[in-house]
Amino acid sequence: LKIPDAIICATALVNNATLLTNDKQLLKLPRLQTKSMAI
């Protein structure tokens, strides 16, 4: 991951939160809870 993306994902993981994102790479990460949002 790019460093900014890694930090944003890590913030969600450490805080046991779901990451709201439409970034296709981040939506596929294992262990990270994600949710996409319709545009």
PDB file of all heavy atoms in Angstrom:
ATOM      1  N   LEU A   1       0.833  -1.195   0.000  1.00  0.00           N
ATOM      2  CA  LEU A   1       0.000   0.000   0.000  1.00  0.00           C
ATOM      3  C   LEU A   1       0.872   1.251   0.000  1.00  0.00           C
ATOM      4  O   LEU A   1       1.993   1.239   0.500  1.00  0.00           O
ATOM      5  CB  LEU A   1      -0.886   0.039   1.250  1.00  0.00           C
ATOM      6  CG  LEU A   1      -1.920  -1.062   1.429  1.00  0.00           C
ATOM      7  CD1 LEU A   1      -2.658  -0.866   2.747  1.00  0.00           C
ATOM      8  CD2 LEU A   1      -2.896  -1.072   0.277  1.00  0.00           C
ATOM      9  N   LYS A   2       0.323   2.344  -0.528  1.00  0.00           N
ATOM     10  CA  LYS A   2       0.966   3.638  -0.371  1.00  0.00           C
ATOM     11  C   LYS A   2       0.925   3.971   1.112  1.00  0.00           C
ATOM     12  O   LYS A   2      -0.011   3.571   1.831  1.00  0.00           O
ATOM     13  CB  LYS A   2       0.219   4.707  -1.167  1.00  0.00           C
ATOM     14  CG  LYS A   2       0.242   4.493  -2.658  1.00  0.00           C
ATOM     15  CD  LYS A   2      -0.573   5.582  -3.330  1.00  0.00           C
ATOM     16  CE  LYS A   2      -1.048   5.100  -4.677  1.00  0.00           C
ATOM     17  NZ  LYS A   2      -2.083   5.962  -5.234  1.00  0.00           N
ATOM     18  N   ILE A   3       1.897   4.717   1.577  1.00  0.00           N
ATOM     19  CA  ILE A   3       1.980   5.021   3.009  1.00  0.00           C
ATOM     20  C   ILE A   3       0.712   5.699   3.533  1.00  0.00           C
ATOM     21  O   ILE A   3       0.199   5.290   4.585  1.00  0.00           O
ATOM     22  CB  ILE A   3       3.262   5.799   3.339  1.00  0.00           C
ATOM     23  CG1 ILE A   3       4.471   4.870   3.161  1.00  0.00           C
ATOM     24  CG2 ILE A   3       3.217   6.381   4.754  1.00  0.00           C
ATOM     25  CD1 ILE A   3       5.817   5.519   3.292  1.00  0.00           C
ATOM     26  N   PRO A   4       0.154   6.718   2.839  1.00  0.00           N
ATOM     27  CA  PRO A   4      -1.088   7.303   3.375  1.00  0.00           C
ATOM     28  C   PRO A   4      -2.223   6.281   3.506  1.00  0.00           C
ATOM     29  O   PRO A   4      -2.930   6.272   4.518  1.00  0.00           O
ATOM     30  CB  PRO A   4      -1.441   8.395   2.365  1.00  0.00           C
ATOM     31  CG  PRO A   4      -0.144   8.743   1.712  1.00  0.00           C
ATOM     32  CD  PRO A   4       0.634   7.457   1.665  1.00  0.00           C
ATOM     33  N   ASP A   5      -2.391   5.422   2.504  1.00  0.00           N
ATOM     34  CA  ASP A   5      -3.429   4.386   2.579  1.00  0.00           C
ATOM     35  C   ASP A   5      -3.161   3.414   3.718  1.00  0.00           C
ATOM     36  O   ASP A   5      -4.090   2.996   4.422  1.00  0.00           O
ATOM     37  CB  ASP A   5      -3.536   3.621   1.262  1.00  0.00           C
ATOM     38  CG  ASP A   5      -4.192   4.429   0.155  1.00  0.00           C
ATOM     39  OD1 ASP A   5      -4.873   5.425   0.459  1.00  0.00           O
ATOM     40  OD2 ASP A   5      -4.019   4.049  -1.022  1.00  0.00           O
ATOM     41  N   ALA A   6      -1.908   3.054   3.906  1.00  0.00           N
ATOM     42  CA  ALA A   6      -1.552   2.137   4.986  1.00  0.00           C
ATOM     43  C   ALA A   6      -1.893   2.745   6.349  1.00  0.00           C
ATOM     44  O   ALA A   6      -2.399   2.055   7.241  1.00  0.00           O
ATOM     45  CB  ALA A   6      -0.067   1.779   4.911  1.00  0.00           C
ATOM     46  N   ILE A   7      -1.645   4.034   6.514  1.00  0.00           N
ATOM     47  CA  ILE A   7      -1.943   4.698   7.794  1.00  0.00           C
ATOM     48  C   ILE A   7      -3.449   4.790   8.010  1.00  0.00           C
ATOM     49  O   ILE A   7      -3.943   4.544   9.119  1.00  0.00           O
ATOM     50  CB  ILE A   7      -1.277   6.086   7.858  1.00  0.00           C
ATOM     51  CG1 ILE A   7       0.252   5.930   7.874  1.00  0.00           C
ATOM     52  CG2 ILE A   7      -1.753   6.868   9.087  1.00  0.00           C
ATOM     53  CD1 ILE A   7       1.020   7.233   7.708  1.00  0.00           C
ATOM     54  N   ILE A   8      -4.198   5.125   6.971  1.00  0.00           N
ATOM     55  CA  ILE A   8      -5.659   5.205   7.094  1.00  0.00           C
ATOM     56  C   ILE A   8      -6.237   3.831   7.449  1.00  0.00           C
ATOM     57  O   ILE A   8      -7.072   3.713   8.349  1.00  0.00           O
ATOM     58  CB  ILE A   8      -6.283   5.781   5.808  1.00  0.00           C
ATOM     59  CG1 ILE A   8      -5.903   7.265   5.661  1.00  0.00           C
ATOM     60  CG2 ILE A   8      -7.800   5.599   5.803  1.00  0.00           C
ATOM     61  CD1 ILE A   8      -6.207   7.863   4.306  1.00  0.00           C
ATOM     62  N   CYS A   9      -5.784   2.789   6.777  1.00  0.00           N
ATOM     63  CA  CYS A   9      -6.249   1.423   7.078  1.00  0.00           C
ATOM     64  C   CYS A   9      -5.849   0.994   8.477  1.00  0.00           C
ATOM     65  O   CYS A   9      -6.642   0.386   9.204  1.00  0.00           O
ATOM     66  CB  CYS A   9      -5.701   0.438   6.050  1.00  0.00           C
ATOM     67  SG  CYS A   9      -6.382   0.650   4.398  1.00  0.00           S
ATOM     68  N   ALA A  10      -4.635   1.316   8.855  1.00  0.00           N
ATOM     69  CA  ALA A  10      -4.155   0.974  10.198  1.00  0.00           C
ATOM     70  C   ALA A  10      -4.983   1.679  11.265  1.00  0.00           C
ATOM     71  O   ALA A  10      -5.285   1.096  12.316  1.00  0.00           O
ATOM     72  CB  ALA A  10      -2.685   1.338  10.335  1.00  0.00           C
ATOM     73  N   THR A  11      -5.377   2.899  10.996  1.00  0.00           N
ATOM     74  CA  THR A  11      -6.221   3.642  11.940  1.00  0.00           C
ATOM     75  C   THR A  11      -7.537   2.905  12.159  1.00  0.00           C
ATOM     76  O   THR A  11      -7.993   2.759  13.296  1.00  0.00           O
ATOM     77  CB  THR A  11      -6.474   5.074  11.425  1.00  0.00           C
ATOM     78  OG1 THR A  11      -5.213   5.742  11.260  1.00  0.00           O
ATOM     79  CG2 THR A  11      -7.344   5.860  12.395  1.00  0.00           C
ATOM     80  N   ALA A  12      -8.133   2.409  11.087  1.00  0.00           N
ATOM     81  CA  ALA A  12      -9.379   1.647  11.211  1.00  0.00           C
ATOM     82  C   ALA A  12      -9.146   0.331  11.961  1.00  0.00           C
ATOM     83  O   ALA A  12      -9.917  -0.019  12.858  1.00  0.00           O
ATOM     84  CB  ALA A  12      -9.973   1.384   9.830  1.00  0.00           C
ATOM     85  N   LEU A  13      -8.083  -0.382  11.611  1.00  0.00           N
ATOM     86  CA  LEU A  13      -7.804  -1.664  12.273  1.00  0.00           C
ATOM     87  C   LEU A  13      -7.560  -1.503  13.766  1.00  0.00           C
ATOM     88  O   LEU A  13      -8.132  -2.233  14.581  1.00  0.00           O
ATOM     89  CB  LEU A  13      -6.594  -2.342  11.621  1.00  0.00           C
ATOM     90  CG  LEU A  13      -6.847  -3.041  10.290  1.00  0.00           C
ATOM     91  CD1 LEU A  13      -5.528  -3.407   9.620  1.00  0.00           C
ATOM     92  CD2 LEU A  13      -7.709  -4.277  10.496  1.00  0.00           C
ATOM     93  N   VAL A  14      -6.715  -0.565  14.133  1.00  0.00           N
ATOM     94  CA  VAL A  14      -6.358  -0.362  15.543  1.00  0.00           C
ATOM     95  C   VAL A  14      -7.583   0.047  16.365  1.00  0.00           C
ATOM     96  O   VAL A  14      -7.695  -0.313  17.530  1.00  0.00           O
ATOM     97  CB  VAL A  14      -5.211   0.679  15.665  1.00  0.00           C
ATOM     98  CG1 VAL A  14      -5.033   1.151  17.088  1.00  0.00           C
ATOM     99  CG2 VAL A  14      -3.915   0.090  15.114  1.00  0.00           C
ATOM    100  N   ASN A  15      -8.510   0.772  15.738  1.00  0.00           N
ATOM    101  CA  ASN A  15      -9.690   1.247  16.451  1.00  0.00           C
ATOM    102  C   ASN A  15     -10.911   0.359  16.240  1.00  0.00           C
ATOM    103  O   ASN A  15     -12.023   0.747  16.588  1.00  0.00           O
ATOM    104  CB  ASN A  15      -9.992   2.689  16.036  1.00  0.00           C
ATOM    105  CG  ASN A  15      -8.948   3.621  16.573  1.00  0.00           C
ATOM    106  OD1 ASN A  15      -8.938   3.913  17.759  1.00  0.00           O
ATOM    107  ND2 ASN A  15      -8.042   4.066  15.730  1.00  0.00           N
ATOM    108  N   ASN A  16     -10.679  -0.840  15.672  1.00  0.00           N
ATOM    109  CA  ASN A  16     -11.743  -1.816  15.449  1.00  0.00           C
ATOM    110  C   ASN A  16     -12.940  -1.169  14.740  1.00  0.00           C
ATOM    111  O   ASN A  16     -14.083  -1.324  15.154  1.00  0.00           O
ATOM    112  CB  ASN A  16     -12.172  -2.469  16.768  1.00  0.00           C
ATOM    113  CG  ASN A  16     -12.957  -3.736  16.539  1.00  0.00           C
ATOM    114  OD1 ASN A  16     -12.778  -4.422  15.541  1.00  0.00           O
ATOM    115  ND2 ASN A  16     -13.849  -4.045  17.457  1.00  0.00           N
ATOM    116  N   ALA A  17     -12.640  -0.431  13.687  1.00  0.00           N
ATOM    117  CA  ALA A  17     -13.661   0.308  12.953  1.00  0.00           C
ATOM    118  C   ALA A  17     -13.765  -0.201  11.523  1.00  0.00           C
ATOM    119  O   ALA A  17     -12.833  -0.807  10.992  1.00  0.00           O
ATOM    120  CB  ALA A  17     -13.321   1.799  12.957  1.00  0.00           C
ATOM    121  N   THR A  18     -14.887   0.064  10.906  1.00  0.00           N
ATOM    122  CA  THR A  18     -15.101  -0.232   9.500  1.00  0.00           C
ATOM    123  C   THR A  18     -14.645   0.974   8.695  1.00  0.00           C
ATOM    124  O   THR A  18     -15.028   2.106   8.999  1.00  0.00           O
ATOM    125  CB  THR A  18     -16.598  -0.505   9.227  1.00  0.00           C
ATOM    126  OG1 THR A  18     -16.994  -1.644   9.996  1.00  0.00           O
ATOM    127  CG2 THR A  18     -16.862  -0.767   7.755  1.00  0.00           C
ATOM    128  N   LEU A  19     -13.840   0.725   7.683  1.00  0.00           N
ATOM    129  CA  LEU A  19     -13.361   1.801   6.822  1.00  0.00           C
ATOM    130  C   LEU A  19     -14.347   2.019   5.691  1.00  0.00           C
ATOM    131  O   LEU A  19     -14.630   1.117   4.914  1.00  0.00           O
ATOM    132  CB  LEU A  19     -11.976   1.470   6.256  1.00  0.00           C
ATOM    133  CG  LEU A  19     -11.359   2.546   5.365  1.00  0.00           C
ATOM    134  CD1 LEU A  19     -11.049   3.810   6.167  1.00  0.00           C
ATOM    135  CD2 LEU A  19     -10.101   2.019   4.694  1.00  0.00           C
ATOM    136  N   LEU A  20     -14.875   3.236   5.595  1.00  0.00           N
ATOM    137  CA  LEU A  20     -15.723   3.622   4.467  1.00  0.00           C
ATOM    138  C   LEU A  20     -14.794   4.072   3.358  1.00  0.00           C
ATOM    139  O   LEU A  20     -14.043   5.045   3.517  1.00  0.00           O
ATOM    140  CB  LEU A  20     -16.651   4.772   4.860  1.00  0.00           C
ATOM    141  CG  LEU A  20     -17.609   4.513   6.015  1.00  0.00           C
ATOM    142  CD1 LEU A  20     -18.361   5.791   6.380  1.00  0.00           C
ATOM    143  CD2 LEU A  20     -18.584   3.396   5.669  1.00  0.00           C
ATOM    144  N   THR A  21     -14.805   3.355   2.238  1.00  0.00           N
ATOM    145  CA  THR A  21     -13.899   3.676   1.136  1.00  0.00           C
ATOM    146  C   THR A  21     -14.472   3.176  -0.179  1.00  0.00           C
ATOM    147  O   THR A  21     -15.237   2.212  -0.197  1.00  0.00           O
ATOM    148  CB  THR A  21     -12.499   3.067   1.352  1.00  0.00           C
ATOM    149  OG1 THR A  21     -11.623   3.520   0.319  1.00  0.00           O
ATOM    150  CG2 THR A  21     -12.525   1.554   1.372  1.00  0.00           C
ATOM    151  N   ASN A  22     -14.069   3.822  -1.244  1.00  0.00           N
ATOM    152  CA  ASN A  22     -14.388   3.313  -2.576  1.00  0.00           C
ATOM    153  C   ASN A  22     -13.117   2.932  -3.315  1.00  0.00           C
ATOM    154  O   ASN A  22     -13.146   2.725  -4.526  1.00  0.00           O
ATOM    155  CB  ASN A  22     -15.200   4.342  -3.375  1.00  0.00           C
ATOM    156  CG  ASN A  22     -16.654   4.351  -2.949  1.00  0.00           C
ATOM    157  OD1 ASN A  22     -17.085   3.530  -2.153  1.00  0.00           O
ATOM    158  ND2 ASN A  22     -17.419   5.281  -3.467  1.00  0.00           N
ATOM    159  N   ASP A  23     -12.028   2.833  -2.603  1.00  0.00           N
ATOM    160  CA  ASP A  23     -10.745   2.426  -3.168  1.00  0.00           C
ATOM    161  C   ASP A  23     -10.768   0.904  -3.336  1.00  0.00           C
ATOM    162  O   ASP A  23     -10.832   0.160  -2.355  1.00  0.00           O
ATOM    163  CB  ASP A  23      -9.616   2.855  -2.240  1.00  0.00           C
ATOM    164  CG  ASP A  23      -8.239   2.565  -2.792  1.00  0.00           C
ATOM    165  OD1 ASP A  23      -7.986   1.422  -3.227  1.00  0.00           O
ATOM    166  OD2 ASP A  23      -7.393   3.473  -2.758  1.00  0.00           O
ATOM    167  N   LYS A  24     -10.713   0.451  -4.576  1.00  0.00           N
ATOM    168  CA  LYS A  24     -10.837  -0.985  -4.874  1.00  0.00           C
ATOM    169  C   LYS A  24      -9.758  -1.818  -4.194  1.00  0.00           C
ATOM    170  O   LYS A  24     -10.023  -2.937  -3.757  1.00  0.00           O
ATOM    171  CB  LYS A  24     -10.823  -1.212  -6.382  1.00  0.00           C
ATOM    172  CG  LYS A  24     -12.077  -0.692  -7.048  1.00  0.00           C
ATOM    173  CD  LYS A  24     -12.046  -0.862  -8.541  1.00  0.00           C
ATOM    174  CE  LYS A  24     -13.299  -0.252  -9.139  1.00  0.00           C
ATOM    175  NZ  LYS A  24     -13.278  -0.198 -10.575  1.00  0.00           N
ATOM    176  N   GLN A  25      -8.540  -1.305  -4.103  1.00  0.00           N
ATOM    177  CA  GLN A  25      -7.466  -2.051  -3.449  1.00  0.00           C
ATOM    178  C   GLN A  25      -7.756  -2.227  -1.956  1.00  0.00           C
ATOM    179  O   GLN A  25      -7.570  -3.311  -1.407  1.00  0.00           O
ATOM    180  CB  GLN A  25      -6.117  -1.340  -3.637  1.00  0.00           C
ATOM    181  CG  GLN A  25      -4.956  -2.111  -3.030  1.00  0.00           C
ATOM    182  CD  GLN A  25      -3.624  -1.383  -3.147  1.00  0.00           C
ATOM    183  OE1 GLN A  25      -3.572  -0.191  -3.407  1.00  0.00           O
ATOM    184  NE2 GLN A  25      -2.546  -2.118  -2.953  1.00  0.00           N
ATOM    185  N   LEU A  26      -8.245  -1.183  -1.316  1.00  0.00           N
ATOM    186  CA  LEU A  26      -8.513  -1.254   0.123  1.00  0.00           C
ATOM    187  C   LEU A  26      -9.725  -2.130   0.428  1.00  0.00           C
ATOM    188  O   LEU A  26      -9.758  -2.800   1.462  1.00  0.00           O
ATOM    189  CB  LEU A  26      -8.716   0.148   0.696  1.00  0.00           C
ATOM    190  CG  LEU A  26      -7.587   1.151   0.470  1.00  0.00           C
ATOM    191  CD1 LEU A  26      -7.861   2.453   1.204  1.00  0.00           C
ATOM    192  CD2 LEU A  26      -6.239   0.575   0.845  1.00  0.00           C
ATOM    193  N   LEU A  27     -10.703  -2.136  -0.472  1.00  0.00           N
ATOM    194  CA  LEU A  27     -11.894  -2.968  -0.262  1.00  0.00           C
ATOM    195  C   LEU A  27     -11.554  -4.460  -0.247  1.00  0.00           C
ATOM    196  O   LEU A  27     -12.309  -5.256   0.316  1.00  0.00           O
ATOM    197  CB  LEU A  27     -12.937  -2.680  -1.346  1.00  0.00           C
ATOM    198  CG  LEU A  27     -13.651  -1.331  -1.230  1.00  0.00           C
ATOM    199  CD1 LEU A  27     -14.425  -1.021  -2.513  1.00  0.00           C
ATOM    200  CD2 LEU A  27     -14.576  -1.298  -0.025  1.00  0.00           C
ATOM    201  N   LYS A  28     -10.431  -4.844  -0.838  1.00  0.00           N
ATOM    202  CA  LYS A  28     -10.037  -6.257  -0.932  1.00  0.00           C
ATOM    203  C   LYS A  28      -9.123  -6.726   0.205  1.00  0.00           C
ATOM    204  O   LYS A  28      -8.793  -7.907   0.276  1.00  0.00           O
ATOM    205  CB  LYS A  28      -9.297  -6.496  -2.250  1.00  0.00           C
ATOM    206  CG  LYS A  28     -10.132  -6.299  -3.478  1.00  0.00           C
ATOM    207  CD  LYS A  28      -9.287  -6.512  -4.716  1.00  0.00           C
ATOM    208  CE  LYS A  28     -10.022  -6.138  -5.974  1.00  0.00           C
ATOM    209  NZ  LYS A  28      -9.155  -6.226  -7.156  1.00  0.00           N
ATOM    210  N   LEU A  29      -8.702  -5.817   1.072  1.00  0.00           N
ATOM    211  CA  LEU A  29      -7.740  -6.202   2.108  1.00  0.00           C
ATOM    212  C   LEU A  29      -8.353  -7.175   3.116  1.00  0.00           C
ATOM    213  O   LEU A  29      -9.440  -6.923   3.632  1.00  0.00           O
ATOM    214  CB  LEU A  29      -7.230  -4.970   2.861  1.00  0.00           C
ATOM    215  CG  LEU A  29      -6.300  -4.052   2.106  1.00  0.00           C
ATOM    216  CD1 LEU A  29      -5.933  -2.850   2.972  1.00  0.00           C
ATOM    217  CD2 LEU A  29      -5.039  -4.775   1.667  1.00  0.00           C
ATOM    218  N   PRO A  30      -7.644  -8.263   3.399  1.00  0.00           N
ATOM    219  CA  PRO A  30      -8.128  -9.180   4.429  1.00  0.00           C
ATOM    220  C   PRO A  30      -7.989  -8.535   5.812  1.00  0.00           C
ATOM    221  O   PRO A  30      -7.157  -7.650   6.004  1.00  0.00           O
ATOM    222  CB  PRO A  30      -7.201 -10.401   4.291  1.00  0.00           C
ATOM    223  CG  PRO A  30      -5.981  -9.890   3.616  1.00  0.00           C
ATOM    224  CD  PRO A  30      -6.392  -8.709   2.789  1.00  0.00           C
ATOM    225  N   ARG A  31      -8.793  -8.938   6.733  1.00  0.00           N
ATOM    226  CA  ARG A  31      -8.808  -8.466   8.125  1.00  0.00           C
ATOM    227  C   ARG A  31      -9.381  -7.072   8.296  1.00  0.00           C
ATOM    228  O   ARG A  31      -9.752  -6.694   9.390  1.00  0.00           O
ATOM    229  CB  ARG A  31      -7.422  -8.480   8.791  1.00  0.00           C
ATOM    230  CG  ARG A  31      -6.785  -9.822   8.937  1.00  0.00           C
ATOM    231  CD  ARG A  31      -5.482  -9.783   9.715  1.00  0.00           C
ATOM    232  NE  ARG A  31      -4.688  -8.602   9.454  1.00  0.00           N
ATOM    233  CZ  ARG A  31      -4.241  -7.765  10.401  1.00  0.00           C
ATOM    234  NH1 ARG A  31      -4.474  -7.995  11.656  1.00  0.00           N
ATOM    235  NH2 ARG A  31      -3.519  -6.709  10.094  1.00  0.00           N
ATOM    236  N   LEU A  32      -9.429  -6.276   7.245  1.00  0.00           N
ATOM    237  CA  LEU A  32      -9.949  -4.919   7.350  1.00  0.00           C
ATOM    238  C   LEU A  32     -11.434  -4.924   6.998  1.00  0.00           C
ATOM    239  O   LEU A  32     -11.820  -5.351   5.915  1.00  0.00           O
ATOM    240  CB  LEU A  32      -9.197  -3.972   6.405  1.00  0.00           C
ATOM    241  CG  LEU A  32      -9.644  -2.518   6.407  1.00  0.00           C
ATOM    242  CD1 LEU A  32      -9.369  -1.865   7.768  1.00  0.00           C
ATOM    243  CD2 LEU A  32      -8.935  -1.741   5.310  1.00  0.00           C
ATOM    244  N   GLN A  33     -12.262  -4.464   7.929  1.00  0.00           N
ATOM    245  CA  GLN A  33     -13.688  -4.329   7.649  1.00  0.00           C
ATOM    246  C   GLN A  33     -13.875  -3.069   6.813  1.00  0.00           C
ATOM    247  O   GLN A  33     -13.425  -1.993   7.204  1.00  0.00           O
ATOM    248  CB  GLN A  33     -14.478  -4.214   8.953  1.00  0.00           C
ATOM    249  CG  GLN A  33     -14.402  -5.435   9.822  1.00  0.00           C
ATOM    250  CD  GLN A  33     -15.130  -5.206  11.143  1.00  0.00           C
ATOM    251  OE1 GLN A  33     -16.107  -4.475  11.213  1.00  0.00           O
ATOM    252  NE2 GLN A  33     -14.638  -5.847  12.189  1.00  0.00           N
ATOM    253  N   THR A  34     -14.513  -3.233   5.657  1.00  0.00           N
ATOM    254  CA  THR A  34     -14.712  -2.101   4.755  1.00  0.00           C
ATOM    255  C   THR A  34     -16.164  -2.037   4.299  1.00  0.00           C
ATOM    256  O   THR A  34     -16.886  -3.039   4.336  1.00  0.00           O
ATOM    257  CB  THR A  34     -13.816  -2.199   3.506  1.00  0.00           C
ATOM    258  OG1 THR A  34     -14.104  -3.419   2.819  1.00  0.00           O
ATOM    259  CG2 THR A  34     -12.349  -2.118   3.855  1.00  0.00           C
ATOM    260  N   LYS A  35     -16.546  -0.856   3.862  1.00  0.00           N
ATOM    261  CA  LYS A  35     -17.864  -0.667   3.271  1.00  0.00           C
ATOM    262  C   LYS A  35     -17.719   0.389   2.189  1.00  0.00           C
ATOM    263  O   LYS A  35     -17.156   1.458   2.435  1.00  0.00           O
ATOM    264  CB  LYS A  35     -18.868  -0.202   4.327  1.00  0.00           C
ATOM    265  CG  LYS A  35     -20.257   0.036   3.778  1.00  0.00           C
ATOM    266  CD  LYS A  35     -21.214   0.535   4.842  1.00  0.00           C
ATOM    267  CE  LYS A  35     -22.568   0.787   4.181  1.00  0.00           C
ATOM    268  NZ  LYS A  35     -23.466   1.498   5.054  1.00  0.00           N
ATOM    269  N   SER A  36     -18.218   0.070   0.997  1.00  0.00           N
ATOM    270  CA  SER A  36     -18.209   1.064  -0.078  1.00  0.00           C
ATOM    271  C   SER A  36     -19.486   1.894   0.015  1.00  0.00           C
ATOM    272  O   SER A  36     -20.469   1.479   0.619  1.00  0.00           O
ATOM    273  CB  SER A  36     -18.079   0.396  -1.442  1.00  0.00           C
ATOM    274  OG  SER A  36     -19.194  -0.412  -1.696  1.00  0.00           O
ATOM    275  N   MET A  37     -19.443   3.057  -0.594  1.00  0.00           N
ATOM    276  CA  MET A  37     -20.578   3.981  -0.573  1.00  0.00           C
ATOM    277  C   MET A  37     -20.975   4.289  -2.013  1.00  0.00           C
ATOM    278  O   MET A  37     -20.115   4.564  -2.848  1.00  0.00           O
ATOM    279  CB  MET A  37     -20.195   5.283   0.142  1.00  0.00           C
ATOM    280  CG  MET A  37     -19.672   5.108   1.566  1.00  0.00           C
ATOM    281  SD  MET A  37     -20.958   4.821   2.781  1.00  0.00           S
ATOM    282  CE  MET A  37     -21.740   6.409   2.837  1.00  0.00           C
ATOM    283  N   ALA A  38     -22.271   4.243  -2.287  1.00  0.00           N
ATOM    284  CA  ALA A  38     -22.772   4.531  -3.635  1.00  0.00           C
ATOM    285  C   ALA A  38     -22.616   6.018  -3.940  1.00  0.00           C
ATOM    286  O   ALA A  38     -22.800   6.874  -3.077  1.00  0.00           O
ATOM    287  CB  ALA A  38     -24.229   4.117  -3.761  1.00  0.00           C
ATOM    288  N   ILE A  39     -22.268   6.288  -5.185  1.00  0.00           N
ATOM    289  CA  ILE A  39     -22.079   7.649  -5.669  1.00  0.00           C
ATOM    290  C   ILE A  39     -23.277   8.016  -6.542  1.00  0.00           C
ATOM    291  O   ILE A  39     -23.778   7.195  -7.306  1.00  0.00           O
ATOM    292  CB  ILE A  39     -20.771   7.756  -6.501  1.00  0.00           C
ATOM    293  CG1 ILE A  39     -19.580   7.239  -5.697  1.00  0.00           C
ATOM    294  CG2 ILE A  39     -20.543   9.177  -6.985  1.00  0.00           C
ATOM    295  CD1 ILE A  39     -19.346   7.923  -4.387  1.00  0.00           C
TER     296      ILE A  39
END
